[in-house]
Amino acid sequence: MKKFDVIVLTILILAGLNCLLVGTINLNLIETLVGTQNYSMLKFINIIVGLSALYCLRFIPVLYASPKPTPFYSRKKHY
């Protein structure tokens, strides 16, 4: 499952960078790579990005969880 999490987060990071490019220099990298005539492929990519965003909602509780303290006897000793 960890590999899938990394793939989904990578998709979201790339989509976020694409949004940054669209907002700053009006360059849509996905349209440039796929082509504007291939509407079905653009729609498919947008659906994958949206599903990735929905999947990443499961990480929100992890961000707000407090770390569990480790017992003193299980800590590594540094000499």
N, C-alpha and C. Protein backbone atom coordinates (compact mmCIF):
# COMPACT_ATOMS: atom_id res chain seq x y z
N MET A 1 0.82 -1.20 0.00
CA MET A 1 0.00 0.00 0.00
C MET A 1 0.86 1.26 0.00
N LYS A 2 2.06 1.17 0.54
CA LYS A 2 2.92 2.34 0.60
C LYS A 2 3.32 2.83 -0.79
N LYS A 3 3.56 1.90 -1.72
CA LYS A 3 3.91 2.29 -3.08
C LYS A 3 2.75 3.05 -3.73
N PHE A 4 1.54 2.58 -3.49
CA PHE A 4 0.37 3.25 -4.04
C PHE A 4 0.24 4.66 -3.47
N ASP A 5 0.51 4.82 -2.18
CA ASP A 5 0.46 6.15 -1.55
C ASP A 5 1.47 7.09 -2.20
N VAL A 6 2.66 6.59 -2.48
CA VAL A 6 3.69 7.42 -3.11
C VAL A 6 3.26 7.81 -4.53
N ILE A 7 2.68 6.88 -5.26
CA ILE A 7 2.22 7.18 -6.63
C ILE A 7 1.13 8.25 -6.60
N VAL A 8 0.18 8.10 -5.69
CA VAL A 8 -0.93 9.06 -5.60
C VAL A 8 -0.42 10.44 -5.19
N LEU A 9 0.49 10.50 -4.24
CA LEU A 9 1.03 11.80 -3.83
C LEU A 9 1.85 12.43 -4.95
N THR A 10 2.56 11.62 -5.72
CA THR A 10 3.32 12.15 -6.85
C THR A 10 2.39 12.75 -7.90
N ILE A 11 1.27 12.07 -8.16
CA ILE A 11 0.29 12.60 -9.11
C ILE A 11 -0.24 13.95 -8.63
N LEU A 12 -0.53 14.05 -7.34
CA LEU A 12 -1.05 15.32 -6.81
C LEU A 12 -0.01 16.43 -6.85
N ILE A 13 1.24 16.10 -6.58
CA ILE A 13 2.29 17.12 -6.64
C ILE A 13 2.46 17.62 -8.07
N LEU A 14 2.48 16.70 -9.04
CA LEU A 14 2.59 17.11 -10.43
C LEU A 14 1.40 17.94 -10.88
N ALA A 15 0.20 17.57 -10.43
CA ALA A 15 -0.99 18.35 -10.76
C ALA A 15 -0.92 19.73 -10.13
N GLY A 16 -0.41 19.81 -8.92
CA GLY A 16 -0.25 21.11 -8.27
C GLY A 16 0.75 22.00 -8.99
N LEU A 17 1.84 21.40 -9.45
CA LEU A 17 2.82 22.17 -10.23
C LEU A 17 2.23 22.61 -11.56
N ASN A 18 1.39 21.78 -12.16
CA ASN A 18 0.72 22.18 -13.40
C ASN A 18 -0.21 23.37 -13.13
N CYS A 19 -0.92 23.35 -12.01
CA CYS A 19 -1.78 24.49 -11.66
C CYS A 19 -0.95 25.75 -11.44
N LEU A 20 0.22 25.61 -10.86
CA LEU A 20 1.12 26.75 -10.67
C LEU A 20 1.55 27.32 -12.02
N LEU A 21 1.89 26.44 -12.96
CA LEU A 21 2.28 26.91 -14.29
C LEU A 21 1.13 27.60 -15.01
N VAL A 22 -0.08 27.07 -14.87
CA VAL A 22 -1.24 27.69 -15.51
C VAL A 22 -1.50 29.06 -14.90
N GLY A 23 -1.38 29.15 -13.60
CA GLY A 23 -1.66 30.43 -12.93
C GLY A 23 -0.60 31.49 -13.15
N THR A 24 0.65 31.09 -13.28
CA THR A 24 1.71 32.09 -13.38
C THR A 24 2.05 32.45 -14.82
N ILE A 25 2.24 31.46 -15.68
CA ILE A 25 2.68 31.77 -17.05
C ILE A 25 1.71 31.27 -18.11
N ASN A 26 0.51 30.87 -17.69
CA ASN A 26 -0.54 30.43 -18.60
C ASN A 26 -0.08 29.27 -19.50
N LEU A 27 0.63 28.30 -18.91
CA LEU A 27 1.09 27.13 -19.63
C LEU A 27 0.50 25.89 -18.97
N ASN A 28 -0.36 25.21 -19.70
CA ASN A 28 -0.94 23.97 -19.20
C ASN A 28 -0.09 22.82 -19.74
N LEU A 29 0.73 22.25 -18.87
CA LEU A 29 1.67 21.23 -19.28
C LEU A 29 0.97 19.96 -19.75
N ILE A 30 -0.15 19.62 -19.14
CA ILE A 30 -0.88 18.41 -19.54
C ILE A 30 -1.44 18.58 -20.95
N GLU A 31 -2.02 19.73 -21.24
CA GLU A 31 -2.51 19.97 -22.60
C GLU A 31 -1.36 19.99 -23.60
N THR A 32 -0.23 20.49 -23.19
CA THR A 32 0.92 20.53 -24.09
C THR A 32 1.41 19.12 -24.41
N LEU A 33 1.46 18.26 -23.40
CA LEU A 33 1.95 16.90 -23.62
C LEU A 33 0.93 16.02 -24.33
N VAL A 34 -0.34 16.14 -23.98
CA VAL A 34 -1.37 15.26 -24.54
C VAL A 34 -1.94 15.83 -25.84
N GLY A 35 -2.07 17.13 -25.90
CA GLY A 35 -2.69 17.77 -27.06
C GLY A 35 -4.10 18.21 -26.71
N THR A 36 -4.51 19.32 -27.28
CA THR A 36 -5.82 19.86 -26.95
C THR A 36 -6.94 19.14 -27.69
N GLN A 37 -6.63 18.44 -28.78
CA GLN A 37 -7.67 17.74 -29.53
C GLN A 37 -8.07 16.44 -28.86
N ASN A 38 -7.22 15.90 -28.01
CA ASN A 38 -7.50 14.62 -27.36
C ASN A 38 -8.27 14.86 -26.06
N TYR A 39 -9.55 15.22 -26.21
CA TYR A 39 -10.38 15.58 -25.06
C TYR A 39 -10.58 14.42 -24.10
N SER A 40 -10.73 13.21 -24.61
CA SER A 40 -10.98 12.07 -23.74
C SER A 40 -9.77 11.77 -22.85
N MET A 41 -8.56 11.94 -23.38
CA MET A 41 -7.36 11.72 -22.56
C MET A 41 -7.23 12.79 -21.49
N LEU A 42 -7.53 14.04 -21.83
CA LEU A 42 -7.50 15.12 -20.83
C LEU A 42 -8.52 14.86 -19.72
N LYS A 43 -9.69 14.39 -20.11
CA LYS A 43 -10.73 14.09 -19.12
C LYS A 43 -10.28 12.94 -18.22
N PHE A 44 -9.67 11.92 -18.80
CA PHE A 44 -9.17 10.78 -18.03
C PHE A 44 -8.11 11.22 -17.03
N ILE A 45 -7.18 12.07 -17.46
CA ILE A 45 -6.13 12.56 -16.55
C ILE A 45 -6.75 13.37 -15.42
N ASN A 46 -7.72 14.21 -15.73
CA ASN A 46 -8.38 14.99 -14.67
C ASN A 46 -9.13 14.10 -13.69
N ILE A 47 -9.73 13.01 -14.18
CA ILE A 47 -10.42 12.07 -13.28
C ILE A 47 -9.41 11.38 -12.37
N ILE A 48 -8.25 10.99 -12.90
CA ILE A 48 -7.21 10.35 -12.09
C ILE A 48 -6.71 11.31 -11.01
N VAL A 49 -6.52 12.57 -11.36
CA VAL A 49 -6.07 13.57 -10.38
C VAL A 49 -7.14 13.76 -9.30
N GLY A 50 -8.39 13.83 -9.69
CA GLY A 50 -9.47 13.98 -8.72
C GLY A 50 -9.59 12.79 -7.79
N LEU A 51 -9.47 11.58 -8.33
CA LEU A 51 -9.51 10.39 -7.48
C LEU A 51 -8.31 10.34 -6.54
N SER A 52 -7.17 10.80 -7.02
CA SER A 52 -5.98 10.86 -6.15
C SER A 52 -6.21 11.82 -4.99
N ALA A 53 -6.84 12.94 -5.27
CA ALA A 53 -7.13 13.91 -4.21
C ALA A 53 -8.10 13.32 -3.19
N LEU A 54 -9.12 12.62 -3.67
CA LEU A 54 -10.06 11.99 -2.74
C LEU A 54 -9.37 10.93 -1.89
N TYR A 55 -8.47 10.16 -2.49
CA TYR A 55 -7.74 9.14 -1.74
C TYR A 55 -6.85 9.76 -0.67
N CYS A 56 -6.26 10.91 -0.98
CA CYS A 56 -5.35 11.55 -0.03
C CYS A 56 -6.07 12.18 1.15
N LEU A 57 -7.39 12.27 1.09
CA LEU A 57 -8.13 12.78 2.25
C LEU A 57 -7.94 11.88 3.47
N ARG A 58 -7.57 10.63 3.22
CA ARG A 58 -7.37 9.71 4.34
C ARG A 58 -6.11 10.03 5.15
N PHE A 59 -5.24 10.90 4.62
CA PHE A 59 -4.03 11.28 5.34
C PHE A 59 -4.28 12.39 6.36
N ILE A 60 -5.41 13.05 6.31
CA ILE A 60 -5.68 14.18 7.21
C ILE A 60 -5.67 13.75 8.68
N PRO A 61 -6.33 12.66 9.07
CA PRO A 61 -6.24 12.26 10.49
C PRO A 61 -4.82 11.94 10.93
N VAL A 62 -4.00 11.46 10.03
CA VAL A 62 -2.61 11.16 10.39
C VAL A 62 -1.85 12.44 10.71
N LEU A 63 -2.17 13.52 10.01
CA LEU A 63 -1.49 14.78 10.26
C LEU A 63 -1.83 15.36 11.63
N TYR A 64 -3.04 15.11 12.11
CA TYR A 64 -3.46 15.67 13.38
C TYR A 64 -3.26 14.71 14.56
N ALA A 65 -2.80 13.51 14.29
CA ALA A 65 -2.57 12.55 15.38
C ALA A 65 -1.31 12.94 16.14
N SER A 66 -1.40 12.86 17.45
CA SER A 66 -0.22 13.18 18.25
C SER A 66 0.69 11.95 18.27
N PRO A 67 2.00 12.18 18.20
CA PRO A 67 2.92 11.04 18.22
C PRO A 67 2.90 10.33 19.56
N LYS A 68 3.01 9.02 19.51
CA LYS A 68 3.02 8.24 20.74
C LYS A 68 4.42 8.27 21.34
N PRO A 69 4.52 8.58 22.62
CA PRO A 69 5.85 8.60 23.23
C PRO A 69 6.40 7.18 23.36
N THR A 70 7.69 7.06 23.16
CA THR A 70 8.31 5.75 23.32
C THR A 70 8.74 5.58 24.77
N PRO A 71 8.62 4.40 25.30
CA PRO A 71 9.06 4.16 26.68
C PRO A 71 10.57 4.39 26.81
N PHE A 72 10.97 4.78 28.00
CA PHE A 72 12.37 5.12 28.22
C PHE A 72 13.30 3.94 27.96
N TYR A 73 12.88 2.75 28.34
CA TYR A 73 13.74 1.58 28.20
C TYR A 73 13.91 1.12 26.75
N SER A 74 13.06 1.60 25.84
CA SER A 74 13.19 1.17 24.46
C SER A 74 13.97 2.15 23.60
N ARG A 75 14.40 3.25 24.19
CA ARG A 75 15.17 4.24 23.44
C ARG A 75 16.59 3.73 23.22
N LYS A 76 17.13 4.10 22.07
CA LYS A 76 18.50 3.69 21.77
C LYS A 76 19.47 4.52 22.59
N LYS A 77 20.51 3.87 23.02
CA LYS A 77 21.52 4.58 23.79
C LYS A 77 22.61 5.07 22.84
N HIS A 78 22.99 6.29 23.02
CA HIS A 78 24.04 6.90 22.21
C HIS A 78 25.30 7.01 23.07
N TYR A 79 26.31 6.32 22.68
CA TYR A 79 27.58 6.39 23.44
C TYR A 79 28.60 7.17 22.70
